[in-house]
Amino acid sequence: MDVEYRYPAELEEFLRLNRTAGQVQQLSHLNRLGAGDYLALHQSSEGDHVFPLQVVALLSEPGKDFHGGEFVLTEQRPRMQSRPMVLPLGLGDMAIISTAHKPFRGTKGFYRVNLKHAISRVHRGERVGVALSFHDAP
């Protein structure tokens, strides 16, 4: 993806680089969304040292514990409309997603596609999920 940065072989070394760069704010979090709540489109890419992947998991059961609250991803492609995708997660399901960008093969080679994620509005009940990031924010 034409990025000069290379990642250390061990996560602990990467986290040490985070701390040295002033990235000490934990990004991993548990989210509890009740009726009317949602998470707007966002990226978890704050700081100079950003790990390219993160894990999201659903800890409550769709259709039973809550209604609505779908996990949504968008691809923001250059000179094209954004493409939304809904990832249907069930109780205990996990997904590995891009933190901010992914490589995409175009007609003239690879380029970066900007990715964001969100959780749509919860209509009823409580949706509980977790997001695990492997880097910290400033």
C-alpha atoms as a PDB file:
ATOM      1  CA  MET A   1       0.000   0.000   0.000  1.00  0.00           C
ATOM      2  CA  ASP A   2       3.040   2.228  -0.515  1.00  0.00           C
ATOM      3  CA  VAL A   3       3.545   2.692   3.235  1.00  0.00           C
ATOM      4  CA  GLU A   4       7.109   3.090   4.495  1.00  0.00           C
ATOM      5  CA  TYR A   5       6.302   1.982   8.046  1.00  0.00           C
ATOM      6  CA  ARG A   6       7.192  -1.624   8.949  1.00  0.00           C
ATOM      7  CA  TYR A   7       5.725  -3.365  11.975  1.00  0.00           C
ATOM      8  CA  PRO A   8       7.881  -5.009  14.646  1.00  0.00           C
ATOM      9  CA  ALA A   9       7.710  -8.795  14.890  1.00  0.00           C
ATOM     10  CA  GLU A  10       6.299  -8.675  18.448  1.00  0.00           C
ATOM     11  CA  LEU A  11       3.174  -6.850  19.676  1.00  0.00           C
ATOM     12  CA  GLU A  12       4.917  -5.731  22.884  1.00  0.00           C
ATOM     13  CA  GLU A  13       7.554  -3.887  20.825  1.00  0.00           C
ATOM     14  CA  PHE A  14       4.792  -2.219  18.800  1.00  0.00           C
ATOM     15  CA  LEU A  15       3.023  -1.122  22.002  1.00  0.00           C
ATOM     16  CA  ARG A  16       6.331   0.230  23.344  1.00  0.00           C
ATOM     17  CA  LEU A  17       6.599   2.365  20.174  1.00  0.00           C
ATOM     18  CA  ASN A  18       3.027   3.563  20.848  1.00  0.00           C
ATOM     19  CA  ARG A  19       3.925   4.663  24.375  1.00  0.00           C
ATOM     20  CA  THR A  20       7.151   6.346  23.218  1.00  0.00           C
ATOM     21  CA  ALA A  21       5.118   8.319  20.636  1.00  0.00           C
ATOM     22  CA  GLY A  22       2.679   9.437  23.369  1.00  0.00           C
ATOM     23  CA  GLN A  23      -0.056   6.982  22.346  1.00  0.00           C
ATOM     24  CA  VAL A  24      -1.319   5.923  25.779  1.00  0.00           C
ATOM     25  CA  GLN A  25      -5.128   6.207  25.454  1.00  0.00           C
ATOM     26  CA  GLN A  26      -6.726   2.745  25.222  1.00  0.00           C
ATOM     27  CA  LEU A  27      -8.928   2.328  22.138  1.00  0.00           C
ATOM     28  CA  SER A  28     -10.347  -1.104  22.974  1.00  0.00           C
ATOM     29  CA  HIS A  29     -13.767  -0.785  24.545  1.00  0.00           C
ATOM     30  CA  LEU A  30     -17.058  -2.418  25.442  1.00  0.00           C
ATOM     31  CA  ASN A  31     -20.099  -0.688  24.010  1.00  0.00           C
ATOM     32  CA  ARG A  32     -23.619  -0.914  25.373  1.00  0.00           C
ATOM     33  CA  LEU A  33     -26.221   0.587  23.084  1.00  0.00           C
ATOM     34  CA  GLY A  34     -29.832   0.950  24.189  1.00  0.00           C
ATOM     35  CA  ALA A  35     -32.941   1.901  22.224  1.00  0.00           C
ATOM     36  CA  GLY A  36     -32.201   4.961  20.084  1.00  0.00           C
ATOM     37  CA  ASP A  37     -28.398   4.647  20.432  1.00  0.00           C
ATOM     38  CA  TYR A  38     -25.977   4.158  17.542  1.00  0.00           C
ATOM     39  CA  LEU A  39     -22.287   4.596  16.708  1.00  0.00           C
ATOM     40  CA  ALA A  40     -21.592   6.965  13.799  1.00  0.00           C
ATOM     41  CA  LEU A  41     -19.206   6.061  10.985  1.00  0.00           C
ATOM     42  CA  HIS A  42     -15.645   6.242  12.266  1.00  0.00           C
ATOM     43  CA  GLN A  43     -12.103   4.882  12.067  1.00  0.00           C
ATOM     44  CA  SER A  44      -9.775   3.940  14.897  1.00  0.00           C
ATOM     45  CA  SER A  45      -6.682   5.413  13.269  1.00  0.00           C
ATOM     46  CA  GLU A  46      -5.446   8.093  15.673  1.00  0.00           C
ATOM     47  CA  GLY A  47      -1.686   8.442  16.130  1.00  0.00           C
ATOM     48  CA  ASP A  48       1.492   7.746  14.193  1.00  0.00           C
ATOM     49  CA  HIS A  49       1.583   4.010  14.966  1.00  0.00           C
ATOM     50  CA  VAL A  50      -1.693   2.396  13.895  1.00  0.00           C
ATOM     51  CA  PHE A  51      -2.163  -1.366  13.650  1.00  0.00           C
ATOM     52  CA  PRO A  52      -4.031  -2.101  10.384  1.00  0.00           C
ATOM     53  CA  LEU A  53      -6.549  -4.593  11.805  1.00  0.00           C
ATOM     54  CA  GLN A  54      -8.955  -4.730  14.728  1.00  0.00           C
ATOM     55  CA  VAL A  55     -11.432  -7.249  16.110  1.00  0.00           C
ATOM     56  CA  VAL A  56     -15.125  -6.604  16.750  1.00  0.00           C
ATOM     57  CA  ALA A  57     -17.416  -9.049  18.544  1.00  0.00           C
ATOM     58  CA  LEU A  58     -21.095  -9.179  19.446  1.00  0.00           C
ATOM     59  CA  LEU A  59     -21.944 -10.197  23.021  1.00  0.00           C
ATOM     60  CA  SER A  60     -25.757 -10.107  22.810  1.00  0.00           C
ATOM     61  CA  GLU A  61     -28.252 -11.919  20.595  1.00  0.00           C
ATOM     62  CA  PRO A  62     -29.908 -10.093  17.686  1.00  0.00           C
ATOM     63  CA  GLY A  63     -33.683 -10.508  17.583  1.00  0.00           C
ATOM     64  CA  LYS A  64     -33.767 -11.561  21.230  1.00  0.00           C
ATOM     65  CA  ASP A  65     -31.672  -9.093  23.270  1.00  0.00           C
ATOM     66  CA  PHE A  66     -32.013  -6.220  20.783  1.00  0.00           C
ATOM     67  CA  HIS A  67     -33.503  -5.206  17.429  1.00  0.00           C
ATOM     68  CA  GLY A  68     -31.635  -3.035  14.898  1.00  0.00           C
ATOM     69  CA  GLY A  69     -28.005  -2.304  15.747  1.00  0.00           C
ATOM     70  CA  GLU A  70     -26.488  -3.798  12.584  1.00  0.00           C
ATOM     71  CA  PHE A  71     -22.723  -3.598  12.081  1.00  0.00           C
ATOM     72  CA  VAL A  72     -22.080  -1.437   8.999  1.00  0.00           C
ATOM     73  CA  LEU A  73     -18.908  -0.973   6.941  1.00  0.00           C
ATOM     74  CA  THR A  74     -18.324   1.553   4.158  1.00  0.00           C
ATOM     75  CA  GLU A  75     -15.699   1.645   1.429  1.00  0.00           C
ATOM     76  CA  GLN A  76     -14.904   5.170   0.266  1.00  0.00           C
ATOM     77  CA  ARG A  77     -13.453   4.589  -3.186  1.00  0.00           C
ATOM     78  CA  PRO A  78     -11.743   7.388  -5.153  1.00  0.00           C
ATOM     79  CA  ARG A  79     -13.993   9.050  -7.737  1.00  0.00           C
ATOM     80  CA  MET A  80     -16.812   6.601  -6.944  1.00  0.00           C
ATOM     81  CA  GLN A  81     -19.756   6.475  -4.571  1.00  0.00           C
ATOM     82  CA  SER A  82     -19.171   4.986  -1.137  1.00  0.00           C
ATOM     83  CA  ARG A  83     -20.242   1.379  -0.886  1.00  0.00           C
ATOM     84  CA  PRO A  84     -22.026   0.337   2.352  1.00  0.00           C
ATOM     85  CA  MET A  85     -22.025  -3.258   3.613  1.00  0.00           C
ATOM     86  CA  VAL A  86     -23.908  -4.775   6.524  1.00  0.00           C
ATOM     87  CA  LEU A  87     -22.074  -7.527   8.391  1.00  0.00           C
ATOM     88  CA  PRO A  88     -24.667  -9.783  10.050  1.00  0.00           C
ATOM     89  CA  LEU A  89     -23.095 -10.729  13.384  1.00  0.00           C
ATOM     90  CA  GLY A  90     -24.754 -13.194  15.746  1.00  0.00           C
ATOM     91  CA  LEU A  91     -24.228 -13.828  19.451  1.00  0.00           C
ATOM     92  CA  GLY A  92     -20.527 -14.551  20.009  1.00  0.00           C
ATOM     93  CA  ASP A  93     -19.514 -13.797  16.410  1.00  0.00           C
ATOM     94  CA  MET A  94     -16.262 -11.945  15.838  1.00  0.00           C
ATOM     95  CA  ALA A  95     -14.908 -10.199  12.763  1.00  0.00           C
ATOM     96  CA  ILE A  96     -11.450  -8.960  11.889  1.00  0.00           C
ATOM     97  CA  ILE A  97     -11.808  -5.638  10.107  1.00  0.00           C
ATOM     98  CA  SER A  98      -9.471  -3.026   8.708  1.00  0.00           C
ATOM     99  CA  THR A  99      -8.694  -0.143  11.046  1.00  0.00           C
ATOM    100  CA  ALA A 100      -8.737   2.498   8.309  1.00  0.00           C
ATOM    101  CA  HIS A 101      -7.587   1.314   4.861  1.00  0.00           C
ATOM    102  CA  LYS A 102      -7.391  -1.787   2.733  1.00  0.00           C
ATOM    103  CA  PRO A 103      -5.563  -2.539  -0.505  1.00  0.00           C
ATOM    104  CA  PHE A 104      -7.738  -2.713  -3.614  1.00  0.00           C
ATOM    105  CA  ARG A 105      -6.631  -3.871  -7.056  1.00  0.00           C
ATOM    106  CA  GLY A 106      -7.662  -1.441  -9.757  1.00  0.00           C
ATOM    107  CA  THR A 107      -6.955  -1.457 -13.476  1.00  0.00           C
ATOM    108  CA  LYS A 108      -3.674   0.413 -12.871  1.00  0.00           C
ATOM    109  CA  GLY A 109      -2.482  -1.609  -9.875  1.00  0.00           C
ATOM    110  CA  PHE A 110      -3.180  -1.487  -6.143  1.00  0.00           C
ATOM    111  CA  TYR A 111      -4.409   1.553  -4.261  1.00  0.00           C
ATOM    112  CA  ARG A 112      -5.770   2.294  -0.782  1.00  0.00           C
ATOM    113  CA  VAL A 113      -9.501   2.274  -0.104  1.00  0.00           C
ATOM    114  CA  ASN A 114     -10.676   4.241   2.946  1.00  0.00           C
ATOM    115  CA  LEU A 115     -12.868   2.156   5.286  1.00  0.00           C
ATOM    116  CA  LYS A 116     -15.139   3.271   8.113  1.00  0.00           C
ATOM    117  CA  HIS A 117     -17.463   1.309  10.369  1.00  0.00           C
ATOM    118  CA  ALA A 118     -20.559   2.041  12.444  1.00  0.00           C
ATOM    119  CA  ILE A 119     -23.447   0.458  14.313  1.00  0.00           C
ATOM    120  CA  SER A 120     -26.919   1.378  13.114  1.00  0.00           C
ATOM    121  CA  ARG A 121     -29.595   2.636  15.502  1.00  0.00           C
ATOM    122  CA  VAL A 122     -30.845   0.125  18.075  1.00  0.00           C
ATOM    123  CA  HIS A 123     -34.651   0.008  17.955  1.00  0.00           C
ATOM    124  CA  ARG A 124     -35.350  -2.095  21.062  1.00  0.00           C
ATOM    125  CA  GLY A 125     -33.385  -3.760  23.839  1.00  0.00           C
ATOM    126  CA  GLU A 126     -29.667  -3.488  24.552  1.00  0.00           C
ATOM    127  CA  ARG A 127     -26.826  -4.346  22.150  1.00  0.00           C
ATOM    128  CA  VAL A 128     -23.507  -5.213  23.793  1.00  0.00           C
ATOM    129  CA  GLY A 129     -20.327  -5.532  21.767  1.00  0.00           C
ATOM    130  CA  VAL A 130     -16.598  -5.178  22.075  1.00  0.00           C
ATOM    131  CA  ALA A 131     -13.968  -3.579  19.844  1.00  0.00           C
ATOM    132  CA  LEU A 132     -10.340  -4.673  20.295  1.00  0.00           C
ATOM    133  CA  SER A 133      -7.619  -2.417  18.911  1.00  0.00           C
ATOM    134  CA  PHE A 134      -3.948  -3.371  18.903  1.00  0.00           C
ATOM    135  CA  HIS A 135      -2.683   0.194  19.196  1.00  0.00           C
ATOM    136  CA  ASP A 136      -3.404   3.129  21.480  1.00  0.00           C
ATOM    137  CA  ALA A 137      -4.396   6.716  20.650  1.00  0.00           C
ATOM    138  CA  PRO A 138      -2.552   9.922  21.619  1.00  0.00           C
END
